[in-house]
Amino acid sequence: VESGGGLVQPGGSLRLSCAASGSIFSINPMGWYRQAPGKQRE
């Protein structure tokens, strides 16, 4: 479950959080991806 998104002005900052539950452990790789309108997820 992600949180922390929103509207920010250029030059500003945001911190996103991702809370994991279930069978996930500290050894598992985790990451962030993004998808802009009309573009592939990266």
Full PDB file with SEQRES, HELIX, SHEET, SSBOND, CRYST1, ORIGX, SCALE, CONECT and MASTER records, all heavy atoms in Angstrom:
SEQRES   1 A   42  VAL GLU SER GLY GLY GLY LEU VAL GLN PRO GLY GLY SER          
SEQRES   2 A   42  LEU ARG LEU SER CYS ALA ALA SER GLY SER ILE PHE SER          
SEQRES   3 A   42  ILE ASN PRO MET GLY TRP TYR ARG GLN ALA PRO GLY LYS          
SEQRES   4 A   42  GLN ARG GLU                                                  
SHEET    1 AA1 2 GLU A   2  SER A   3  0                                        
SHEET    2 AA1 2 SER A  17  CYS A  18 -1                                        
CRYST1    1.000    1.000    1.000  90.00  90.00  90.00 P 1           1          
ORIGX1      1.000000  0.000000  0.000000        0.00000                         
ORIGX2      0.000000  1.000000  0.000000        0.00000                         
ORIGX3      0.000000  0.000000  1.000000        0.00000                         
SCALE1      1.000000  0.000000  0.000000        0.00000                         
SCALE2      0.000000  1.000000  0.000000        0.00000                         
SCALE3      0.000000  0.000000  1.000000        0.00000                         
ATOM      1  N   VAL A   1       0.849  -1.189   0.000  1.00  0.00           N  
ATOM      2  CA  VAL A   1       0.000   0.000   0.000  1.00  0.00           C  
ATOM      3  C   VAL A   1       0.883   1.236   0.000  1.00  0.00           C  
ATOM      4  O   VAL A   1       1.656   1.465   0.938  1.00  0.00           O  
ATOM      5  CB  VAL A   1      -0.930   0.024   1.226  1.00  0.00           C  
ATOM      6  CG1 VAL A   1      -1.776   1.295   1.211  1.00  0.00           C  
ATOM      7  CG2 VAL A   1      -1.822  -1.209   1.244  1.00  0.00           C  
ATOM      8  N   GLU A   2       0.756   2.038  -1.063  1.00  0.00           N  
ATOM      9  CA  GLU A   2       1.537   3.259  -1.192  1.00  0.00           C  
ATOM     10  C   GLU A   2       0.780   4.443  -0.597  1.00  0.00           C  
ATOM     11  O   GLU A   2      -0.455   4.473  -0.573  1.00  0.00           O  
ATOM     12  CB  GLU A   2       1.844   3.575  -2.665  1.00  0.00           C  
ATOM     13  CG  GLU A   2       2.555   2.478  -3.410  1.00  0.00           C  
ATOM     14  CD  GLU A   2       1.618   1.611  -4.231  1.00  0.00           C  
ATOM     15  OE1 GLU A   2       0.426   1.527  -3.868  1.00  0.00           O  
ATOM     16  OE2 GLU A   2       2.071   1.017  -5.235  1.00  0.00           O  
ATOM     17  N   SER A   3       1.532   5.428  -0.163  1.00  0.00           N  
ATOM     18  CA  SER A   3       0.962   6.682   0.305  1.00  0.00           C  
ATOM     19  C   SER A   3       1.991   7.782   0.128  1.00  0.00           C  
ATOM     20  O   SER A   3       3.177   7.509  -0.098  1.00  0.00           O  
ATOM     21  CB  SER A   3       0.545   6.581   1.771  1.00  0.00           C  
ATOM     22  OG  SER A   3       1.662   6.312   2.585  1.00  0.00           O  
ATOM     23  N   GLY A   4       1.522   9.032   0.228  1.00  0.00           N  
ATOM     24  CA  GLY A   4       2.433  10.170   0.186  1.00  0.00           C  
ATOM     25  C   GLY A   4       2.431  10.971  -1.098  1.00  0.00           C  
ATOM     26  O   GLY A   4       3.121  11.989  -1.190  1.00  0.00           O  
ATOM     27  N   GLY A   5       1.680  10.522  -2.095  1.00  0.00           N  
ATOM     28  CA  GLY A   5       1.623  11.285  -3.334  1.00  0.00           C  
ATOM     29  C   GLY A   5       0.833  12.564  -3.170  1.00  0.00           C  
ATOM     30  O   GLY A   5       0.213  12.813  -2.133  1.00  0.00           O  
ATOM     31  N   GLY A   6       0.869  13.392  -4.208  1.00  0.00           N  
ATOM     32  CA  GLY A   6       0.125  14.641  -4.165  1.00  0.00           C  
ATOM     33  C   GLY A   6       0.640  15.629  -5.182  1.00  0.00           C  
ATOM     34  O   GLY A   6       1.417  15.277  -6.077  1.00  0.00           O  
ATOM     35  N   LEU A   7       0.197  16.860  -5.031  1.00  0.00           N  
ATOM     36  CA  LEU A   7       0.594  17.955  -5.924  1.00  0.00           C  
ATOM     37  C   LEU A   7       1.718  18.754  -5.270  1.00  0.00           C  
ATOM     38  O   LEU A   7       1.601  19.149  -4.103  1.00  0.00           O  
ATOM     39  CB  LEU A   7      -0.602  18.861  -6.200  1.00  0.00           C  
ATOM     40  CG  LEU A   7      -0.336  20.139  -6.994  1.00  0.00           C  
ATOM     41  CD1 LEU A   7       0.143  19.801  -8.401  1.00  0.00           C  
ATOM     42  CD2 LEU A   7      -1.596  21.005  -7.035  1.00  0.00           C  
ATOM     43  N   VAL A   8       2.767  18.991  -6.024  1.00  0.00           N  
ATOM     44  CA  VAL A   8       3.905  19.748  -5.508  1.00  0.00           C  
ATOM     45  C   VAL A   8       4.443  20.645  -6.614  1.00  0.00           C  
ATOM     46  O   VAL A   8       4.355  20.301  -7.798  1.00  0.00           O  
ATOM     47  CB  VAL A   8       5.003  18.791  -4.976  1.00  0.00           C  
ATOM     48  CG1 VAL A   8       5.561  17.918  -6.095  1.00  0.00           C  
ATOM     49  CG2 VAL A   8       6.102  19.549  -4.264  1.00  0.00           C  
ATOM     50  N   GLN A   9       4.982  21.773  -6.228  1.00  0.00           N  
ATOM     51  CA  GLN A   9       5.546  22.694  -7.208  1.00  0.00           C  
ATOM     52  C   GLN A   9       6.929  22.224  -7.661  1.00  0.00           C  
ATOM     53  O   GLN A   9       7.623  21.510  -6.911  1.00  0.00           O  
ATOM     54  CB  GLN A   9       5.650  24.098  -6.611  1.00  0.00           C  
ATOM     55  CG  GLN A   9       4.304  24.759  -6.348  1.00  0.00           C  
ATOM     56  CD  GLN A   9       4.462  26.199  -5.915  1.00  0.00           C  
ATOM     57  OE1 GLN A   9       5.526  26.629  -5.483  1.00  0.00           O  
ATOM     58  NE2 GLN A   9       3.381  26.968  -6.046  1.00  0.00           N  
ATOM     59  N   PRO A  10       7.353  22.607  -8.839  1.00  0.00           N  
ATOM     60  CA  PRO A  10       8.713  22.275  -9.286  1.00  0.00           C  
ATOM     61  C   PRO A  10       9.743  22.741  -8.265  1.00  0.00           C  
ATOM     62  O   PRO A  10       9.634  23.849  -7.716  1.00  0.00           O  
ATOM     63  CB  PRO A  10       8.846  23.031 -10.605  1.00  0.00           C  
ATOM     64  CG  PRO A  10       7.443  23.132 -11.114  1.00  0.00           C  
ATOM     65  CD  PRO A  10       6.589  23.304  -9.890  1.00  0.00           C  
ATOM     66  N   GLY A  11      10.718  21.876  -8.006  1.00  0.00           N  
ATOM     67  CA  GLY A  11      11.733  22.168  -7.005  1.00  0.00           C  
ATOM     68  C   GLY A  11      11.366  21.680  -5.618  1.00  0.00           C  
ATOM     69  O   GLY A  11      12.213  21.702  -4.709  1.00  0.00           O  
ATOM     70  N   GLY A  12      10.140  21.244  -5.441  1.00  0.00           N  
ATOM     71  CA  GLY A  12       9.688  20.784  -4.139  1.00  0.00           C  
ATOM     72  C   GLY A  12      10.066  19.350  -3.845  1.00  0.00           C  
ATOM     73  O   GLY A  12      10.762  18.690  -4.641  1.00  0.00           O  
ATOM     74  N   SER A  13       9.593  18.860  -2.699  1.00  0.00           N  
ATOM     75  CA  SER A  13       9.931  17.511  -2.245  1.00  0.00           C  
ATOM     76  C   SER A  13       8.679  16.770  -1.803  1.00  0.00           C  
ATOM     77  O   SER A  13       7.691  17.380  -1.379  1.00  0.00           O  
ATOM     78  CB  SER A  13      10.902  17.580  -1.062  1.00  0.00           C  
ATOM     79  OG  SER A  13      12.126  18.191  -1.419  1.00  0.00           O  
ATOM     80  N   LEU A  14       8.757  15.464  -1.906  1.00  0.00           N  
ATOM     81  CA  LEU A  14       7.727  14.564  -1.387  1.00  0.00           C  
ATOM     82  C   LEU A  14       8.408  13.305  -0.893  1.00  0.00           C  
ATOM     83  O   LEU A  14       9.484  12.937  -1.393  1.00  0.00           O  
ATOM     84  CB  LEU A  14       6.712  14.172  -2.473  1.00  0.00           C  
ATOM     85  CG  LEU A  14       5.596  15.128  -2.845  1.00  0.00           C  
ATOM     86  CD1 LEU A  14       4.795  14.549  -4.008  1.00  0.00           C  
ATOM     87  CD2 LEU A  14       4.692  15.424  -1.670  1.00  0.00           C  
ATOM     88  N   ARG A  15       7.772  12.636   0.069  1.00  0.00           N  
ATOM     89  CA  ARG A  15       8.260  11.321   0.492  1.00  0.00           C  
ATOM     90  C   ARG A  15       7.137  10.314   0.347  1.00  0.00           C  
ATOM     91  O   ARG A  15       6.066  10.472   0.957  1.00  0.00           O  
ATOM     92  CB  ARG A  15       8.768  11.330   1.930  1.00  0.00           C  
ATOM     93  CG  ARG A  15       9.455  10.018   2.292  1.00  0.00           C  
ATOM     94  CD  ARG A  15      10.053  10.005   3.670  1.00  0.00           C  
ATOM     95  NE  ARG A  15       9.069   9.710   4.709  1.00  0.00           N  
ATOM     96  CZ  ARG A  15       9.371   9.144   5.864  1.00  0.00           C  
ATOM     97  NH1 ARG A  15      10.621   8.804   6.141  1.00  0.00           N  
ATOM     98  NH2 ARG A  15       8.431   8.934   6.773  1.00  0.00           N  
ATOM     99  N   LEU A  16       7.386   9.318  -0.451  1.00  0.00           N  
ATOM    100  CA  LEU A  16       6.439   8.234  -0.623  1.00  0.00           C  
ATOM    101  C   LEU A  16       6.751   7.107   0.351  1.00  0.00           C  
ATOM    102  O   LEU A  16       7.917   6.864   0.671  1.00  0.00           O  
ATOM    103  CB  LEU A  16       6.490   7.694  -2.051  1.00  0.00           C  
ATOM    104  CG  LEU A  16       6.289   8.705  -3.183  1.00  0.00           C  
ATOM    105  CD1 LEU A  16       6.305   7.987  -4.532  1.00  0.00           C  
ATOM    106  CD2 LEU A  16       5.018   9.502  -2.993  1.00  0.00           C  
ATOM    107  N   SER A  17       5.692   6.434   0.795  1.00  0.00           N  
ATOM    108  CA  SER A  17       5.851   5.273   1.671  1.00  0.00           C  
ATOM    109  C   SER A  17       5.138   4.084   1.063  1.00  0.00           C  
ATOM    110  O   SER A  17       4.108   4.244   0.394  1.00  0.00           O  
ATOM    111  CB  SER A  17       5.271   5.560   3.058  1.00  0.00           C  
ATOM    112  OG  SER A  17       5.916   6.643   3.680  1.00  0.00           O  
ATOM    113  N   CYS A  18       5.669   2.908   1.316  1.00  0.00           N  
ATOM    114  CA  CYS A  18       5.046   1.669   0.859  1.00  0.00           C  
ATOM    115  C   CYS A  18       5.060   0.699   2.030  1.00  0.00           C  
ATOM    116  O   CYS A  18       6.131   0.243   2.445  1.00  0.00           O  
ATOM    117  CB  CYS A  18       5.789   1.079  -0.320  1.00  0.00           C  
ATOM    118  SG  CYS A  18       5.225  -0.582  -0.796  1.00  0.00           S  
ATOM    119  N   ALA A  19       3.886   0.405   2.536  1.00  0.00           N  
ATOM    120  CA  ALA A  19       3.754  -0.534   3.647  1.00  0.00           C  
ATOM    121  C   ALA A  19       3.458  -1.921   3.097  1.00  0.00           C  
ATOM    122  O   ALA A  19       2.499  -2.100   2.345  1.00  0.00           O  
ATOM    123  CB  ALA A  19       2.646  -0.085   4.587  1.00  0.00           C  
ATOM    124  N   ALA A  20       4.291  -2.867   3.475  1.00  0.00           N  
ATOM    125  CA  ALA A  20       4.138  -4.239   2.997  1.00  0.00           C  
ATOM    126  C   ALA A  20       3.584  -5.127   4.100  1.00  0.00           C  
ATOM    127  O   ALA A  20       3.954  -4.995   5.261  1.00  0.00           O  
ATOM    128  CB  ALA A  20       5.480  -4.784   2.530  1.00  0.00           C  
ATOM    129  N   SER A  21       2.707  -6.024   3.718  1.00  0.00           N  
ATOM    130  CA  SER A  21       2.177  -7.002   4.662  1.00  0.00           C  
ATOM    131  C   SER A  21       2.061  -8.344   3.959  1.00  0.00           C  
ATOM    132  O   SER A  21       2.133  -8.430   2.733  1.00  0.00           O  
ATOM    133  CB  SER A  21       0.820  -6.560   5.208  1.00  0.00           C  
ATOM    134  OG  SER A  21      -0.109  -6.403   4.163  1.00  0.00           O  
ATOM    135  N   GLY A  22       1.880  -9.378   4.751  1.00  0.00           N  
ATOM    136  CA  GLY A  22       1.851 -10.714   4.172  1.00  0.00           C  
ATOM    137  C   GLY A  22       3.217 -11.348   4.236  1.00  0.00           C  
ATOM    138  O   GLY A  22       4.031 -11.032   5.083  1.00  0.00           O  
ATOM    139  N   SER A  23       3.490 -12.226   3.313  1.00  0.00           N  
ATOM    140  CA  SER A  23       4.718 -13.020   3.348  1.00  0.00           C  
ATOM    141  C   SER A  23       5.870 -12.296   2.677  1.00  0.00           C  
ATOM    142  O   SER A  23       6.421 -12.738   1.682  1.00  0.00           O  
ATOM    143  CB  SER A  23       4.479 -14.369   2.675  1.00  0.00           C  
ATOM    144  OG  SER A  23       3.445 -15.071   3.329  1.00  0.00           O  
ATOM    145  N   ILE A  24       6.223 -11.165   3.247  1.00  0.00           N  
ATOM    146  CA  ILE A  24       7.358 -10.407   2.727  1.00  0.00           C  
ATOM    147  C   ILE A  24       8.369 -10.258   3.852  1.00  0.00           C  
ATOM    148  O   ILE A  24       8.003 -10.032   5.002  1.00  0.00           O  
ATOM    149  CB  ILE A  24       6.915  -9.029   2.185  1.00  0.00           C  
ATOM    150  CG1 ILE A  24       8.026  -8.376   1.380  1.00  0.00           C  
ATOM    151  CG2 ILE A  24       6.419  -8.135   3.297  1.00  0.00           C  
ATOM    152  CD1 ILE A  24       8.267  -9.059   0.051  1.00  0.00           C  
ATOM    153  N   PHE A  25       9.626 -10.425   3.525  1.00  0.00           N  
ATOM    154  CA  PHE A  25      10.658 -10.402   4.533  1.00  0.00           C  
ATOM    155  C   PHE A  25      11.734  -9.387   4.172  1.00  0.00           C  
ATOM    156  O   PHE A  25      11.802  -8.926   3.052  1.00  0.00           O  
ATOM    157  CB  PHE A  25      11.273 -11.801   4.677  1.00  0.00           C  
ATOM    158  CG  PHE A  25      10.264 -12.853   5.018  1.00  0.00           C  
ATOM    159  CD1 PHE A  25       9.801 -13.712   4.019  1.00  0.00           C  
ATOM    160  CD2 PHE A  25       9.759 -12.984   6.281  1.00  0.00           C  
ATOM    161  CE1 PHE A  25       8.870 -14.679   4.306  1.00  0.00           C  
ATOM    162  CE2 PHE A  25       8.821 -13.960   6.585  1.00  0.00           C  
ATOM    163  CZ  PHE A  25       8.373 -14.808   5.593  1.00  0.00           C  
ATOM    164  N   SER A  26      12.552  -9.110   5.150  1.00  0.00           N  
ATOM    165  CA  SER A  26      13.574  -8.084   4.959  1.00  0.00           C  
ATOM    166  C   SER A  26      14.569  -8.456   3.866  1.00  0.00           C  
ATOM    167  O   SER A  26      15.267  -7.603   3.358  1.00  0.00           O  
ATOM    168  CB  SER A  26      14.309  -7.837   6.267  1.00  0.00           C  
ATOM    169  OG  SER A  26      14.934  -9.013   6.716  1.00  0.00           O  
ATOM    170  N   ILE A  27      14.643  -9.735   3.491  1.00  0.00           N  
ATOM    171  CA  ILE A  27      15.599 -10.144   2.472  1.00  0.00           C  
ATOM    172  C   ILE A  27      15.091  -9.869   1.067  1.00  0.00           C  
ATOM    173  O   ILE A  27      15.846  -9.925   0.103  1.00  0.00           O  
ATOM    174  CB  ILE A  27      15.919 -11.643   2.571  1.00  0.00           C  
ATOM    175  CG1 ILE A  27      14.662 -12.493   2.354  1.00  0.00           C  
ATOM    176  CG2 ILE A  27      16.590 -11.957   3.895  1.00  0.00           C  
ATOM    177  CD1 ILE A  27      14.955 -13.971   2.233  1.00  0.00           C  
ATOM    178  N   ASN A  28      13.834  -9.581   0.936  1.00  0.00           N  
ATOM    179  CA  ASN A  28      13.264  -9.436  -0.398  1.00  0.00           C  
ATOM    180  C   ASN A  28      13.559  -8.065  -0.995  1.00  0.00           C  
ATOM    181  O   ASN A  28      13.384  -7.052  -0.329  1.00  0.00           O  
ATOM    182  CB  ASN A  28      11.748  -9.648  -0.351  1.00  0.00           C  
ATOM    183  CG  ASN A  28      11.380 -11.043   0.091  1.00  0.00           C  
ATOM    184  OD1 ASN A  28      10.755 -11.237   1.121  1.00  0.00           O  
ATOM    185  ND2 ASN A  28      11.782 -12.014  -0.707  1.00  0.00           N  
ATOM    186  N   PRO A  29      13.970  -8.031  -2.261  1.00  0.00           N  
ATOM    187  CA  PRO A  29      14.170  -6.744  -2.918  1.00  0.00           C  
ATOM    188  C   PRO A  29      12.845  -6.001  -3.068  1.00  0.00           C  
ATOM    189  O   PRO A  29      11.807  -6.606  -3.329  1.00  0.00           O  
ATOM    190  CB  PRO A  29      14.725  -7.119  -4.295  1.00  0.00           C  
ATOM    191  CG  PRO A  29      15.181  -8.514  -4.172  1.00  0.00           C  
ATOM    192  CD  PRO A  29      14.314  -9.154  -3.142  1.00  0.00           C  
ATOM    193  N   MET A  30      12.904  -4.698  -2.914  1.00  0.00           N  
ATOM    194  CA  MET A  30      11.725  -3.862  -3.117  1.00  0.00           C  
ATOM    195  C   MET A  30      12.126  -2.640  -3.921  1.00  0.00           C  
ATOM    196  O   MET A  30      13.300  -2.270  -3.957  1.00  0.00           O  
ATOM    197  CB  MET A  30      11.113  -3.453  -1.777  1.00  0.00           C  
ATOM    198  CG  MET A  30      10.607  -4.651  -0.977  1.00  0.00           C  
ATOM    199  SD  MET A  30       9.703  -4.190   0.503  1.00  0.00           S  
ATOM    200  CE  MET A  30       8.208  -3.487  -0.211  1.00  0.00           C  
ATOM    201  N   GLY A  31      11.139  -2.049  -4.554  1.00  0.00           N  
ATOM    202  CA  GLY A  31      11.479  -0.916  -5.394  1.00  0.00           C  
ATOM    203  C   GLY A  31      10.298  -0.041  -5.715  1.00  0.00           C  
ATOM    204  O   GLY A  31       9.161  -0.324  -5.320  1.00  0.00           O  
ATOM    205  N   TRP A  32      10.603   1.028  -6.411  1.00  0.00           N  
ATOM    206  CA  TRP A  32       9.600   1.970  -6.894  1.00  0.00           C  
ATOM    207  C   TRP A  32       9.697   2.064  -8.415  1.00  0.00           C  
ATOM    208  O   TRP A  32      10.803   2.152  -8.968  1.00  0.00           O  
ATOM    209  CB  TRP A  32       9.816   3.356  -6.292  1.00  0.00           C  
ATOM    210  CG  TRP A  32       9.483   3.441  -4.839  1.00  0.00           C  
ATOM    211  CD1 TRP A  32      10.332   3.295  -3.786  1.00  0.00           C  
ATOM    212  CD2 TRP A  32       8.192   3.694  -4.282  1.00  0.00           C  
ATOM    213  NE1 TRP A  32       9.659   3.446  -2.596  1.00  0.00           N  
ATOM    214  CE2 TRP A  32       8.335   3.690  -2.874  1.00  0.00           C  
ATOM    215  CE3 TRP A  32       6.927   3.935  -4.820  1.00  0.00           C  
ATOM    216  CZ2 TRP A  32       7.267   3.921  -2.013  1.00  0.00           C  
ATOM    217  CZ3 TRP A  32       5.873   4.154  -3.954  1.00  0.00           C  
ATOM    218  CH2 TRP A  32       6.045   4.142  -2.573  1.00  0.00           C  
ATOM    219  N   TYR A  33       8.546   2.054  -9.049  1.00  0.00           N  
ATOM    220  CA  TYR A  33       8.426   2.269 -10.478  1.00  0.00           C  
ATOM    221  C   TYR A  33       7.451   3.408 -10.694  1.00  0.00           C  
ATOM    222  O   TYR A  33       6.700   3.782  -9.787  1.00  0.00           O  
ATOM    223  CB  TYR A  33       7.899   1.007 -11.177  1.00  0.00           C  
ATOM    224  CG  TYR A  33       8.891  -0.143 -11.221  1.00  0.00           C  
ATOM    225  CD1 TYR A  33       9.224  -0.831 -10.056  1.00  0.00           C  
ATOM    226  CD2 TYR A  33       9.485  -0.540 -12.412  1.00  0.00           C  
ATOM    227  CE1 TYR A  33      10.131  -1.879 -10.087  1.00  0.00           C  
ATOM    228  CE2 TYR A  33      10.387  -1.588 -12.462  1.00  0.00           C  
ATOM    229  CZ  TYR A  33      10.702  -2.249 -11.293  1.00  0.00           C  
ATOM    230  OH  TYR A  33      11.598  -3.286 -11.336  1.00  0.00           O  
ATOM    231  N   ARG A  34       7.443   3.956 -11.902  1.00  0.00           N  
ATOM    232  CA  ARG A  34       6.469   4.993 -12.201  1.00  0.00           C  
ATOM    233  C   ARG A  34       5.980   4.864 -13.630  1.00  0.00           C  
ATOM    234  O   ARG A  34       6.677   4.337 -14.496  1.00  0.00           O  
ATOM    235  CB  ARG A  34       7.065   6.384 -11.957  1.00  0.00           C  
ATOM    236  CG  ARG A  34       8.179   6.777 -12.924  1.00  0.00           C  
ATOM    237  CD  ARG A  34       8.784   8.103 -12.501  1.00  0.00           C  
ATOM    238  NE  ARG A  34       9.855   8.522 -13.413  1.00  0.00           N  
ATOM    239  CZ  ARG A  34      10.623   9.587 -13.199  1.00  0.00           C  
ATOM    240  NH1 ARG A  34      10.450  10.341 -12.114  1.00  0.00           N  
ATOM    241  NH2 ARG A  34      11.564   9.898 -14.075  1.00  0.00           N  
ATOM    242  N   GLN A  35       4.790   5.377 -13.852  1.00  0.00           N  
ATOM    243  CA  GLN A  35       4.207   5.372 -15.192  1.00  0.00           C  
ATOM    244  C   GLN A  35       3.554   6.714 -15.448  1.00  0.00           C  
ATOM    245  O   GLN A  35       2.581   7.088 -14.768  1.00  0.00           O  
ATOM    246  CB  GLN A  35       3.185   4.241 -15.341  1.00  0.00           C  
ATOM    247  CG  GLN A  35       2.675   4.073 -16.757  1.00  0.00           C  
ATOM    248  CD  GLN A  35       1.944   2.768 -16.960  1.00  0.00           C  
ATOM    249  OE1 GLN A  35       1.540   2.103 -16.005  1.00  0.00           O  
ATOM    250  NE2 GLN A  35       1.773   2.370 -18.205  1.00  0.00           N  
ATOM    251  N   ALA A  36       4.100   7.436 -16.404  1.00  0.00           N  
ATOM    252  CA  ALA A  36       3.541   8.717 -16.811  1.00  0.00           C  
ATOM    253  C   ALA A  36       2.475   8.479 -17.882  1.00  0.00           C  
ATOM    254  O   ALA A  36       2.486   7.447 -18.561  1.00  0.00           O  
ATOM    255  CB  ALA A  36       4.648   9.608 -17.345  1.00  0.00           C  
ATOM    256  N   PRO A  37       1.567   9.436 -18.062  1.00  0.00           N  
ATOM    257  CA  PRO A  37       0.522   9.269 -19.075  1.00  0.00           C  
ATOM    258  C   PRO A  37       1.109   9.005 -20.456  1.00  0.00           C  
ATOM    259  O   PRO A  37       2.005   9.719 -20.908  1.00  0.00           O  
ATOM    260  CB  PRO A  37      -0.209  10.614 -19.028  1.00  0.00           C  
ATOM    261  CG  PRO A  37       0.027  11.132 -17.657  1.00  0.00           C  
ATOM    262  CD  PRO A  37       1.399  10.676 -17.289  1.00  0.00           C  
ATOM    263  N   GLY A  38       0.627   7.949 -21.106  1.00  0.00           N  
ATOM    264  CA  GLY A  38       1.080   7.622 -22.443  1.00  0.00           C  
ATOM    265  C   GLY A  38       2.437   6.963 -22.522  1.00  0.00           C  
ATOM    266  O   GLY A  38       2.957   6.746 -23.623  1.00  0.00           O  
ATOM    267  N   LYS A  39       3.020   6.636 -21.375  1.00  0.00           N  
ATOM    268  CA  LYS A  39       4.351   6.027 -21.371  1.00  0.00           C  
ATOM    269  C   LYS A  39       4.319   4.679 -20.658  1.00  0.00           C  
ATOM    270  O   LYS A  39       3.398   4.369 -19.920  1.00  0.00           O  
ATOM    271  CB  LYS A  39       5.357   6.953 -20.699  1.00  0.00           C  
ATOM    272  CG  LYS A  39       5.594   8.252 -21.450  1.00  0.00           C  
ATOM    273  CD  LYS A  39       6.728   9.050 -20.837  1.00  0.00           C  
ATOM    274  CE  LYS A  39       7.011  10.305 -21.628  1.00  0.00           C  
ATOM    275  NZ  LYS A  39       8.134  11.088 -21.040  1.00  0.00           N  
ATOM    276  N   GLN A  40       5.373   3.906 -20.875  1.00  0.00           N  
ATOM    277  CA  GLN A  40       5.484   2.622 -20.208  1.00  0.00           C  
ATOM    278  C   GLN A  40       5.954   2.800 -18.770  1.00  0.00           C  
ATOM    279  O   GLN A  40       6.596   3.800 -18.424  1.00  0.00           O  
ATOM    280  CB  GLN A  40       6.465   1.723 -20.972  1.00  0.00           C  
ATOM    281  CG  GLN A  40       5.959   1.255 -22.326  1.00  0.00           C  
ATOM    282  CD  GLN A  40       6.879   0.235 -22.960  1.00  0.00           C  
ATOM    283  OE1 GLN A  40       8.093   0.238 -22.731  1.00  0.00           O  
ATOM    284  NE2 GLN A  40       6.321  -0.646 -23.764  1.00  0.00           N  
ATOM    285  N   ARG A  41       5.642   1.816 -17.961  1.00  0.00           N  
ATOM    286  CA  ARG A  41       6.125   1.830 -16.580  1.00  0.00           C  
ATOM    287  C   ARG A  41       7.640   1.676 -16.600  1.00  0.00           C  
ATOM    288  O   ARG A  41       8.191   0.866 -17.352  1.00  0.00           O  
ATOM    289  CB  ARG A  41       5.483   0.694 -15.787  1.00  0.00           C  
ATOM    290  CG  ARG A  41       5.695   0.777 -14.307  1.00  0.00           C  
ATOM    291  CD  ARG A  41       4.871  -0.271 -13.571  1.00  0.00           C  
ATOM    292  NE  ARG A  41       3.437  -0.069 -13.764  1.00  0.00           N  
ATOM    293  CZ  ARG A  41       2.509  -0.747 -13.091  1.00  0.00           C  
ATOM    294  NH1 ARG A  41       2.858  -1.653 -12.188  1.00  0.00           N  
ATOM    295  NH2 ARG A  41       1.230  -0.529 -13.339  1.00  0.00           N  
ATOM    296  N   GLU A  42       8.320   2.456 -15.746  1.00  0.00           N  
ATOM    297  CA  GLU A  42       9.773   2.423 -15.714  1.00  0.00           C  
ATOM    298  C   GLU A  42      10.278   2.335 -14.283  1.00  0.00           C  
ATOM    299  O   GLU A  42       9.632   2.791 -13.334  1.00  0.00           O  
ATOM    300  CB  GLU A  42      10.352   3.681 -16.375  1.00  0.00           C  
ATOM    301  CG  GLU A  42      10.006   4.978 -15.677  1.00  0.00           C  
ATOM    302  CD  GLU A  42      10.669   6.188 -16.325  1.00  0.00           C  
ATOM    303  OE1 GLU A  42      11.382   6.037 -17.329  1.00  0.00           O  
ATOM    304  OE2 GLU A  42      10.484   7.297 -15.787  1.00  0.00           O  
TER     305      GLU A  42                                                      
MASTER        0    0    0    0    2    0    0    6  304    1    0    4          
END                                                                             
